[in-house]
């Protein structure tokens, strides 16, 4: 995935080829069943991962 290679691309360690054939990025969703009380571990993960995913996906070249 592009976010996994972003650092290497920026550093010049790898080069993107066939950019014209890249698919449109898919949105990322963090989904949970939403039944009953949300476990604290899940809430902590969502609070941790959500902002970081948004920030990474807004970086140029990702």
PDB file of N, CA and C in Angstrom:
ATOM      1  N   UNK A   1       0.828  -1.172   0.000  1.00  0.00           N
ATOM      2  CA  UNK A   1       0.000   0.000   0.000  1.00  0.00           C
ATOM      3  C   UNK A   1       0.880   1.246   0.000  1.00  0.00           C
ATOM      4  N   UNK A   2       0.349   2.313  -0.542  1.00  0.00           N
ATOM      5  CA  UNK A   2       1.142   3.535  -0.688  1.00  0.00           C
ATOM      6  C   UNK A   2       1.640   4.078   0.640  1.00  0.00           C
ATOM      7  N   UNK A   3       0.829   4.001   1.685  1.00  0.00           N
ATOM      8  CA  UNK A   3       1.273   4.534   2.972  1.00  0.00           C
ATOM      9  C   UNK A   3       2.432   3.724   3.545  1.00  0.00           C
ATOM     10  N   UNK A   4       2.564   2.479   3.149  1.00  0.00           N
ATOM     11  CA  UNK A   4       3.663   1.652   3.625  1.00  0.00           C
ATOM     12  C   UNK A   4       4.965   2.004   2.905  1.00  0.00           C
ATOM     13  N   UNK A   5       4.875   2.566   1.716  1.00  0.00           N
ATOM     14  CA  UNK A   5       6.053   2.887   0.916  1.00  0.00           C
ATOM     15  C   UNK A   5       6.397   4.370   0.918  1.00  0.00           C
ATOM     16  N   UNK A   6       5.564   5.202   1.538  1.00  0.00           N
ATOM     17  CA  UNK A   6       5.732   6.653   1.452  1.00  0.00           C
ATOM     18  C   UNK A   6       7.110   7.111   1.903  1.00  0.00           C
ATOM     19  N   UNK A   7       7.607   6.589   3.015  1.00  0.00           N
ATOM     20  CA  UNK A   7       8.920   7.008   3.511  1.00  0.00           C
ATOM     21  C   UNK A   7      10.026   6.640   2.525  1.00  0.00           C
ATOM     22  N   UNK A   8       9.975   5.433   1.975  1.00  0.00           N
ATOM     23  CA  UNK A   8      10.996   4.980   1.025  1.00  0.00           C
ATOM     24  C   UNK A   8      10.947   5.798  -0.267  1.00  0.00           C
ATOM     25  N   UNK A   9       9.758   6.159  -0.703  1.00  0.00           N
ATOM     26  CA  UNK A   9       9.618   6.981  -1.921  1.00  0.00           C
ATOM     27  C   UNK A   9      10.196   8.360  -1.676  1.00  0.00           C
ATOM     28  N   UNK A  10       9.855   8.980  -0.532  1.00  0.00           N
ATOM     29  CA  UNK A  10      10.381  10.313  -0.212  1.00  0.00           C
ATOM     30  C   UNK A  10      11.900  10.288  -0.092  1.00  0.00           C
ATOM     31  N   UNK A  11      12.449   9.196   0.450  1.00  0.00           N
ATOM     32  CA  UNK A  11      13.900   9.093   0.628  1.00  0.00           C
ATOM     33  C   UNK A  11      14.621   8.779  -0.680  1.00  0.00           C
ATOM     34  N   UNK A  12      13.872   8.419  -1.720  1.00  0.00           N
ATOM     35  CA  UNK A  12      14.485   8.090  -2.998  1.00  0.00           C
ATOM     36  C   UNK A  12      14.997   6.663  -3.067  1.00  0.00           C
ATOM     37  N   UNK A  13      14.644   5.840  -2.078  1.00  0.00           N
ATOM     38  CA  UNK A  13      15.088   4.442  -2.064  1.00  0.00           C
ATOM     39  C   UNK A  13      14.353   3.604  -3.114  1.00  0.00           C
ATOM     40  N   UNK A  14      13.132   3.990  -3.415  1.00  0.00           N
ATOM     41  CA  UNK A  14      12.354   3.321  -4.466  1.00  0.00           C
ATOM     42  C   UNK A  14      11.729   4.390  -5.340  1.00  0.00           C
ATOM     43  N   UNK A  15      11.365   4.007  -6.541  1.00  0.00           N
ATOM     44  CA  UNK A  15      10.760   4.937  -7.494  1.00  0.00           C
ATOM     45  C   UNK A  15       9.410   4.389  -7.933  1.00  0.00           C
ATOM     46  N   UNK A  16       8.442   5.258  -8.021  1.00  0.00           N
ATOM     47  CA  UNK A  16       7.113   4.858  -8.474  1.00  0.00           C
ATOM     48  C   UNK A  16       7.131   4.729  -9.994  1.00  0.00           C
ATOM     49  N   UNK A  17       6.613   3.620 -10.483  1.00  0.00           N
ATOM     50  CA  UNK A  17       6.494   3.411 -11.929  1.00  0.00           C
ATOM     51  C   UNK A  17       5.027   3.172 -12.270  1.00  0.00           C
ATOM     52  N   UNK A  18       4.694   3.406 -13.489  1.00  0.00           N
ATOM     53  CA  UNK A  18       3.334   3.194 -13.987  1.00  0.00           C
ATOM     54  C   UNK A  18       2.284   3.960 -13.190  1.00  0.00           C
ATOM     55  N   UNK A  19       2.624   5.207 -12.803  1.00  0.00           N
ATOM     56  CA  UNK A  19       1.703   6.022 -12.010  1.00  0.00           C
ATOM     57  C   UNK A  19       0.357   6.211 -12.708  1.00  0.00           C
ATOM     58  N   UNK A  20       0.370   6.249 -14.011  1.00  0.00           N
ATOM     59  CA  UNK A  20      -0.877   6.453 -14.754  1.00  0.00           C
ATOM     60  C   UNK A  20      -1.863   5.307 -14.557  1.00  0.00           C
ATOM     61  N   UNK A  21      -1.382   4.157 -14.096  1.00  0.00           N
ATOM     62  CA  UNK A  21      -2.242   2.984 -13.932  1.00  0.00           C
ATOM     63  C   UNK A  21      -2.594   2.710 -12.478  1.00  0.00           C
ATOM     64  N   UNK A  22      -2.224   3.616 -11.577  1.00  0.00           N
ATOM     65  CA  UNK A  22      -2.548   3.417 -10.164  1.00  0.00           C
ATOM     66  C   UNK A  22      -4.055   3.538  -9.963  1.00  0.00           C
ATOM     67  N   UNK A  23      -4.630   2.656  -9.151  1.00  0.00           N
ATOM     68  CA  UNK A  23      -6.066   2.754  -8.884  1.00  0.00           C
ATOM     69  C   UNK A  23      -6.363   3.934  -7.955  1.00  0.00           C
ATOM     70  N   UNK A  24      -7.602   4.351  -7.960  1.00  0.00           N
ATOM     71  CA  UNK A  24      -8.048   5.413  -7.057  1.00  0.00           C
ATOM     72  C   UNK A  24      -7.951   4.875  -5.625  1.00  0.00           C
ATOM     73  N   UNK A  25      -7.432   5.664  -4.673  1.00  0.00           N
ATOM     74  CA  UNK A  25      -7.327   5.175  -3.290  1.00  0.00           C
ATOM     75  C   UNK A  25      -8.698   4.851  -2.696  1.00  0.00           C
ATOM     76  N   UNK A  26      -8.731   3.828  -1.874  1.00  0.00           N
ATOM     77  CA  UNK A  26      -9.948   3.439  -1.174  1.00  0.00           C
ATOM     78  C   UNK A  26      -9.969   4.128   0.175  1.00  0.00           C
ATOM     79  N   UNK A  27     -11.137   4.495   0.653  1.00  0.00           N
ATOM     80  CA  UNK A  27     -11.209   5.072   1.992  1.00  0.00           C
ATOM     81  C   UNK A  27     -10.923   4.000   3.037  1.00  0.00           C
ATOM     82  N   UNK A  28     -10.451   4.440   4.178  1.00  0.00           N
ATOM     83  CA  UNK A  28     -10.206   3.530   5.291  1.00  0.00           C
ATOM     84  C   UNK A  28     -11.277   3.777   6.329  1.00  0.00           C
ATOM     85  N   UNK A  29     -11.871   2.708   6.828  1.00  0.00           N
ATOM     86  CA  UNK A  29     -12.885   2.828   7.863  1.00  0.00           C
ATOM     87  C   UNK A  29     -12.503   1.976   9.053  1.00  0.00           C
ATOM     88  N   UNK A  30     -12.684   2.521  10.232  1.00  0.00           N
ATOM     89  CA  UNK A  30     -12.514   1.754  11.464  1.00  0.00           C
ATOM     90  C   UNK A  30     -13.924   1.432  11.939  1.00  0.00           C
ATOM     91  N   UNK A  31     -14.287   0.154  11.905  1.00  0.00           N
ATOM     92  CA  UNK A  31     -15.655  -0.271  12.170  1.00  0.00           C
ATOM     93  C   UNK A  31     -15.676  -1.207  13.372  1.00  0.00           C
ATOM     94  N   UNK A  32     -16.706  -1.078  14.181  1.00  0.00           N
ATOM     95  CA  UNK A  32     -16.928  -1.986  15.306  1.00  0.00           C
ATOM     96  C   UNK A  32     -18.414  -2.291  15.374  1.00  0.00           C
ATOM     97  N   UNK A  33     -18.792  -3.384  16.061  1.00  0.00           N
ATOM     98  CA  UNK A  33     -20.193  -3.797  16.050  1.00  0.00           C
ATOM     99  C   UNK A  33     -21.156  -2.781  16.674  1.00  0.00           C
ATOM    100  N   UNK A  34     -20.696  -1.977  17.610  1.00  0.00           N
ATOM    101  CA  UNK A  34     -21.555  -0.962  18.199  1.00  0.00           C
ATOM    102  C   UNK A  34     -22.648  -1.505  19.098  1.00  0.00           C
ATOM    103  N   UNK A  35     -22.496  -2.723  19.583  1.00  0.00           N
ATOM    104  CA  UNK A  35     -23.498  -3.316  20.452  1.00  0.00           C
ATOM    105  C   UNK A  35     -23.018  -3.235  21.900  1.00  0.00           C
ATOM    106  N   UNK A  36     -23.842  -2.688  22.750  1.00  0.00           N
ATOM    107  CA  UNK A  36     -23.480  -2.608  24.162  1.00  0.00           C
ATOM    108  C   UNK A  36     -22.420  -1.545  24.413  1.00  0.00           C
ATOM    109  N   UNK A  37     -21.717  -1.716  25.505  1.00  0.00           N
ATOM    110  CA  UNK A  37     -20.687  -0.766  25.910  1.00  0.00           C
ATOM    111  C   UNK A  37     -19.414  -1.021  25.112  1.00  0.00           C
ATOM    112  N   UNK A  38     -18.810   0.058  24.618  1.00  0.00           N
ATOM    113  CA  UNK A  38     -17.572  -0.042  23.853  1.00  0.00           C
ATOM    114  C   UNK A  38     -16.426  -0.376  24.806  1.00  0.00           C
ATOM    115  N   UNK A  39     -15.728  -1.505  24.579  1.00  0.00           N
ATOM    116  CA  UNK A  39     -14.608  -1.847  25.465  1.00  0.00           C
ATOM    117  C   UNK A  39     -13.544  -0.750  25.461  1.00  0.00           C
ATOM    118  N   UNK A  40     -12.945  -0.504  26.612  1.00  0.00           N
ATOM    119  CA  UNK A  40     -11.939   0.543  26.737  1.00  0.00           C
ATOM    120  C   UNK A  40     -10.760   0.322  25.807  1.00  0.00           C
ATOM    121  N   UNK A  41     -10.362  -0.939  25.598  1.00  0.00           N
ATOM    122  CA  UNK A  41      -9.247  -1.214  24.680  1.00  0.00           C
ATOM    123  C   UNK A  41      -9.585  -0.785  23.258  1.00  0.00           C
ATOM    124  N   UNK A  42     -10.816  -1.029  22.845  1.00  0.00           N
ATOM    125  CA  UNK A  42     -11.235  -0.631  21.500  1.00  0.00           C
ATOM    126  C   UNK A  42     -11.299   0.889  21.401  1.00  0.00           C
ATOM    127  N   UNK A  43     -11.853   1.558  22.409  1.00  0.00           N
ATOM    128  CA  UNK A  43     -11.917   3.024  22.416  1.00  0.00           C
ATOM    129  C   UNK A  43     -10.516   3.617  22.345  1.00  0.00           C
ATOM    130  N   UNK A  44      -9.586   3.036  23.114  1.00  0.00           N
ATOM    131  CA  UNK A  44      -8.201   3.529  23.100  1.00  0.00           C
ATOM    132  C   UNK A  44      -7.588   3.361  21.712  1.00  0.00           C
ATOM    133  N   UNK A  45      -7.849   2.213  21.069  1.00  0.00           N
ATOM    134  CA  UNK A  45      -7.308   1.985  19.736  1.00  0.00           C
ATOM    135  C   UNK A  45      -7.890   2.986  18.734  1.00  0.00           C
ATOM    136  N   UNK A  46      -9.207   3.185  18.769  1.00  0.00           N
ATOM    137  CA  UNK A  46      -9.836   4.125  17.837  1.00  0.00           C
ATOM    138  C   UNK A  46      -9.310   5.541  18.050  1.00  0.00           C
ATOM    139  N   UNK A  47      -9.145   5.933  19.304  1.00  0.00           N
ATOM    140  CA  UNK A  47      -8.613   7.265  19.604  1.00  0.00           C
ATOM    141  C   UNK A  47      -7.162   7.399  19.149  1.00  0.00           C
ATOM    142  N   UNK A  48      -6.413   6.312  19.209  1.00  0.00           N
ATOM    143  CA  UNK A  48      -5.014   6.311  18.788  1.00  0.00           C
ATOM    144  C   UNK A  48      -4.893   6.276  17.264  1.00  0.00           C
ATOM    145  N   UNK A  49      -5.591   5.349  16.631  1.00  0.00           N
ATOM    146  CA  UNK A  49      -5.407   5.092  15.201  1.00  0.00           C
ATOM    147  C   UNK A  49      -6.085   6.123  14.305  1.00  0.00           C
ATOM    148  N   UNK A  50      -7.266   6.587  14.662  1.00  0.00           N
ATOM    149  CA  UNK A  50      -8.018   7.495  13.802  1.00  0.00           C
ATOM    150  C   UNK A  50      -7.242   8.729  13.373  1.00  0.00           C
ATOM    151  N   UNK A  51      -6.765   9.543  14.312  1.00  0.00           N
ATOM    152  CA  UNK A  51      -6.032  10.749  13.919  1.00  0.00           C
ATOM    153  C   UNK A  51      -4.742  10.448  13.159  1.00  0.00           C
ATOM    154  N   UNK A  52      -4.070   9.365  13.508  1.00  0.00           N
ATOM    155  CA  UNK A  52      -2.817   9.017  12.825  1.00  0.00           C
ATOM    156  C   UNK A  52      -3.071   8.598  11.383  1.00  0.00           C
ATOM    157  N   UNK A  53      -4.124   7.829  11.158  1.00  0.00           N
ATOM    158  CA  UNK A  53      -4.466   7.437   9.790  1.00  0.00           C
ATOM    159  C   UNK A  53      -4.817   8.670   8.961  1.00  0.00           C
ATOM    160  N   UNK A  54      -5.601   9.575   9.525  1.00  0.00           N
ATOM    161  CA  UNK A  54      -5.963  10.791   8.794  1.00  0.00           C
ATOM    162  C   UNK A  54      -4.722  11.595   8.429  1.00  0.00           C
ATOM    163  N   UNK A  55      -3.823  11.746   9.386  1.00  0.00           N
ATOM    164  CA  UNK A  55      -2.598  12.526   9.136  1.00  0.00           C
ATOM    165  C   UNK A  55      -1.743  11.876   8.067  1.00  0.00           C
ATOM    166  N   UNK A  56      -1.575  10.550   8.139  1.00  0.00           N
ATOM    167  CA  UNK A  56      -0.738   9.854   7.149  1.00  0.00           C
ATOM    168  C   UNK A  56      -1.335   9.931   5.763  1.00  0.00           C
ATOM    169  N   UNK A  57      -2.638   9.819   5.662  1.00  0.00           N
ATOM    170  CA  UNK A  57      -3.283   9.814   4.356  1.00  0.00           C
ATOM    171  C   UNK A  57      -3.318  11.211   3.725  1.00  0.00           C
ATOM    172  N   UNK A  58      -3.152  12.256   4.518  1.00  0.00           N
ATOM    173  CA  UNK A  58      -3.121  13.613   3.979  1.00  0.00           C
ATOM    174  C   UNK A  58      -1.718  14.021   3.545  1.00  0.00           C
ATOM    175  N   UNK A  59      -0.698  13.217   3.885  1.00  0.00           N
ATOM    176  CA  UNK A  59       0.684  13.541   3.498  1.00  0.00           C
ATOM    177  C   UNK A  59       0.820  13.465   1.986  1.00  0.00           C
ATOM    178  N   UNK A  60       1.552  14.385   1.395  1.00  0.00           N
ATOM    179  CA  UNK A  60       1.769  14.318  -0.054  1.00  0.00           C
ATOM    180  C   UNK A  60       2.553  13.071  -0.427  1.00  0.00           C
ATOM    181  N   UNK A  61       2.200  12.483  -1.541  1.00  0.00           N
ATOM    182  CA  UNK A  61       2.901  11.297  -2.024  1.00  0.00           C
ATOM    183  C   UNK A  61       2.430  10.020  -1.383  1.00  0.00           C
ATOM    184  N   UNK A  62       1.346  10.089  -0.617  1.00  0.00           N
ATOM    185  CA  UNK A  62       0.830   8.874   0.032  1.00  0.00           C
ATOM    186  C   UNK A  62      -0.425   8.458  -0.666  1.00  0.00           C
TER     187      UNK A  62
END
